[in-house]
Amino acid sequence: AAPDEVWARIGDFQDMSWHPAVAKTVGEGGNEIDATRVLSLGAEDGPVINEVLYKYDADKRTYSYRITEVDVNVLPVTNYSSHLTVKEGENGGALIEWRGAFYRGYPNNDPPPELNDEAAIAAVTDVYRAGLEALAAEFGAAN
């Protein structure tokens, strides 16, 4: 799909309905810096992730956000920030870049297996993969 078409689908910080794990998004502030959103996972009354927007540039089709609160049993990370960008891909299509920086869910030495580096990387990778695969399916693209 064309980059502008993909951006129209994922470029609104207040709407993460494109991700299969997100049952509901509620937020304030639109796409303005310091806008907030709460993602309900799995079901409308499921576990939540609180996030804040800290960069937004519609012309460059990019935004950056950070998690302000999440239970490490839901997503085993701390100090998480992420950048979502829609770039020009090959043959006029879109290339979505979604990258993040974070620490494991247990910041001290000797973390339990479910909160170690590997668990954090696997969980974030799964989140990104699920979202990108859903978008590829929605737009009929190869992923």
Protein backbone atom coordinates (compact mmCIF):
# COMPACT_ATOMS: atom_id res chain seq x y z
CA ALA A 1 0.00 0.00 0.00
CA ALA A 2 1.09 3.59 -0.47
CA PRO A 3 2.88 5.11 2.53
CA ASP A 4 0.23 7.80 2.98
CA GLU A 5 -2.49 5.14 3.03
CA VAL A 6 -0.65 3.15 5.69
CA TRP A 7 0.04 6.32 7.71
CA ALA A 8 -3.67 7.15 7.58
CA ARG A 9 -4.31 3.80 9.28
CA ILE A 10 -1.60 3.87 11.97
CA GLY A 11 -0.65 7.53 12.32
CA ASP A 12 -3.26 8.51 14.88
CA PHE A 13 -1.77 8.03 18.36
CA GLN A 14 -5.30 7.77 19.77
CA ASP A 15 -6.25 4.78 17.60
CA MET A 16 -4.39 1.50 17.92
CA SER A 17 -7.31 -0.60 16.68
CA TRP A 18 -5.01 -1.95 13.95
CA HIS A 19 -3.14 -4.08 16.52
CA PRO A 20 -4.84 -7.42 17.25
CA ALA A 21 -3.87 -7.41 20.95
CA VAL A 22 -5.50 -4.02 21.60
CA ALA A 23 -9.20 -4.28 22.42
CA LYS A 24 -9.68 -0.60 23.22
CA THR A 25 -7.72 2.65 23.12
CA VAL A 26 -8.79 5.59 25.29
CA GLY A 27 -6.76 8.76 25.33
CA GLU A 28 -6.52 12.51 25.57
CA GLY A 29 -4.63 15.14 23.62
CA GLY A 30 -4.91 13.81 20.08
CA ASN A 31 -1.50 13.83 18.41
CA GLU A 32 -0.11 16.70 20.46
CA ILE A 33 3.06 16.28 22.52
CA ASP A 34 2.22 14.85 25.96
CA ALA A 35 -0.99 13.26 24.67
CA THR A 36 -1.84 10.09 26.57
CA ARG A 37 -3.49 6.80 25.75
CA VAL A 38 -4.49 3.71 27.67
CA LEU A 39 -4.42 0.44 25.74
CA SER A 40 -6.72 -2.31 26.99
CA LEU A 41 -5.32 -5.68 25.98
CA GLY A 42 -7.30 -8.76 25.01
CA ALA A 43 -10.66 -7.42 26.19
CA GLU A 44 -12.06 -4.01 27.05
CA ASP A 45 -11.60 -4.83 30.74
CA GLY A 46 -8.24 -6.57 30.19
CA PRO A 47 -4.84 -5.47 31.44
CA VAL A 48 -3.75 -1.99 30.41
CA ILE A 49 -0.67 -0.15 29.21
CA ASN A 50 -0.43 3.62 29.79
CA GLU A 51 1.55 5.59 27.22
CA VAL A 52 2.51 9.20 26.46
CA LEU A 53 3.41 10.77 23.11
CA TYR A 54 6.66 12.73 23.05
CA LYS A 55 7.30 13.31 19.32
CA TYR A 56 4.92 13.58 16.40
CA ASP A 57 5.59 14.62 12.81
CA ALA A 58 2.80 13.88 10.34
CA ASP A 59 4.85 15.21 7.40
CA LYS A 60 7.57 12.64 8.12
CA ARG A 61 4.94 10.03 9.06
CA THR A 62 6.48 9.29 12.43
CA TYR A 63 5.76 9.42 16.14
CA SER A 64 7.50 8.41 19.35
CA TYR A 65 5.96 7.38 22.64
CA ARG A 66 6.89 5.85 25.96
CA ILE A 67 5.14 3.57 28.40
CA THR A 68 4.41 5.37 31.65
CA GLU A 69 2.85 2.39 33.42
CA VAL A 70 2.57 -1.33 32.75
CA ASP A 71 2.50 -4.41 34.95
CA VAL A 72 5.65 -6.41 34.17
CA ASN A 73 3.47 -9.53 34.20
CA VAL A 74 1.70 -8.09 31.15
CA LEU A 75 4.81 -6.82 29.33
CA PRO A 76 8.11 -7.67 31.05
CA VAL A 77 9.87 -4.35 30.38
CA THR A 78 10.78 -1.12 32.14
CA ASN A 79 11.76 2.28 30.71
CA TYR A 80 10.21 1.43 27.35
CA SER A 81 10.12 3.93 24.48
CA SER A 82 9.18 3.31 20.88
CA HIS A 83 9.26 4.96 17.46
CA LEU A 84 6.81 4.18 14.67
CA THR A 85 7.57 5.44 11.16
CA VAL A 86 6.10 4.83 7.72
CA LYS A 87 8.75 5.17 5.02
CA GLU A 88 8.82 4.89 1.27
CA GLY A 89 9.40 1.26 0.36
CA GLU A 90 10.13 -0.48 -2.89
CA ASN A 91 7.79 -0.05 -5.86
CA GLY A 92 5.86 2.78 -4.19
CA GLY A 93 4.80 0.68 -1.23
CA ALA A 94 5.21 1.44 2.44
CA LEU A 95 7.92 0.23 4.77
CA ILE A 96 6.92 0.36 8.43
CA GLU A 97 9.72 0.79 10.93
CA TRP A 98 8.76 0.10 14.54
CA ARG A 99 11.62 0.10 16.98
CA GLY A 100 11.91 0.33 20.70
CA ALA A 101 14.34 0.71 23.54
CA PHE A 102 13.74 -0.81 26.96
CA TYR A 103 15.16 -2.59 29.94
CA ARG A 104 14.08 -5.99 31.21
CA GLY A 105 11.22 -6.23 33.66
CA TYR A 106 13.50 -6.91 36.63
CA PRO A 107 16.19 -4.22 36.74
CA ASN A 108 18.32 -5.76 39.49
CA ASN A 109 20.85 -8.58 39.26
CA ASP A 110 19.72 -12.19 38.86
CA PRO A 111 16.27 -11.62 37.37
CA PRO A 112 13.76 -14.46 37.34
CA PRO A 113 13.42 -16.07 33.89
CA GLU A 114 10.08 -14.38 33.13
CA LEU A 115 11.62 -10.92 33.72
CA ASN A 116 15.09 -11.34 32.19
CA ASP A 117 16.58 -9.83 29.02
CA GLU A 118 15.43 -12.71 26.82
CA ALA A 119 11.86 -12.49 28.11
CA ALA A 120 11.74 -8.74 27.46
CA ILE A 121 13.12 -9.05 23.93
CA ALA A 122 10.77 -11.94 23.11
CA ALA A 123 7.72 -10.09 24.42
CA VAL A 124 8.43 -6.87 22.51
CA THR A 125 9.29 -8.83 19.36
CA ASP A 126 5.95 -10.65 19.64
CA VAL A 127 4.08 -7.34 20.04
CA TYR A 128 5.76 -5.85 16.98
CA ARG A 129 5.37 -9.00 14.88
CA ALA A 130 1.66 -9.31 15.67
CA GLY A 131 1.01 -5.68 14.76
CA LEU A 132 3.04 -5.73 11.57
CA GLU A 133 1.57 -9.04 10.43
CA ALA A 134 -1.95 -7.68 11.01
CA LEU A 135 -1.14 -4.62 8.90
CA ALA A 136 0.39 -6.75 6.16
CA ALA A 137 -2.78 -8.86 6.08
CA GLU A 138 -5.03 -5.80 6.13
CA PHE A 139 -3.22 -4.21 3.20
CA GLY A 140 -2.68 -7.47 1.35
CA ALA A 141 1.10 -7.16 1.54
CA ALA A 142 3.86 -9.68 1.92
CA ASN A 143 5.53 -9.35 5.31
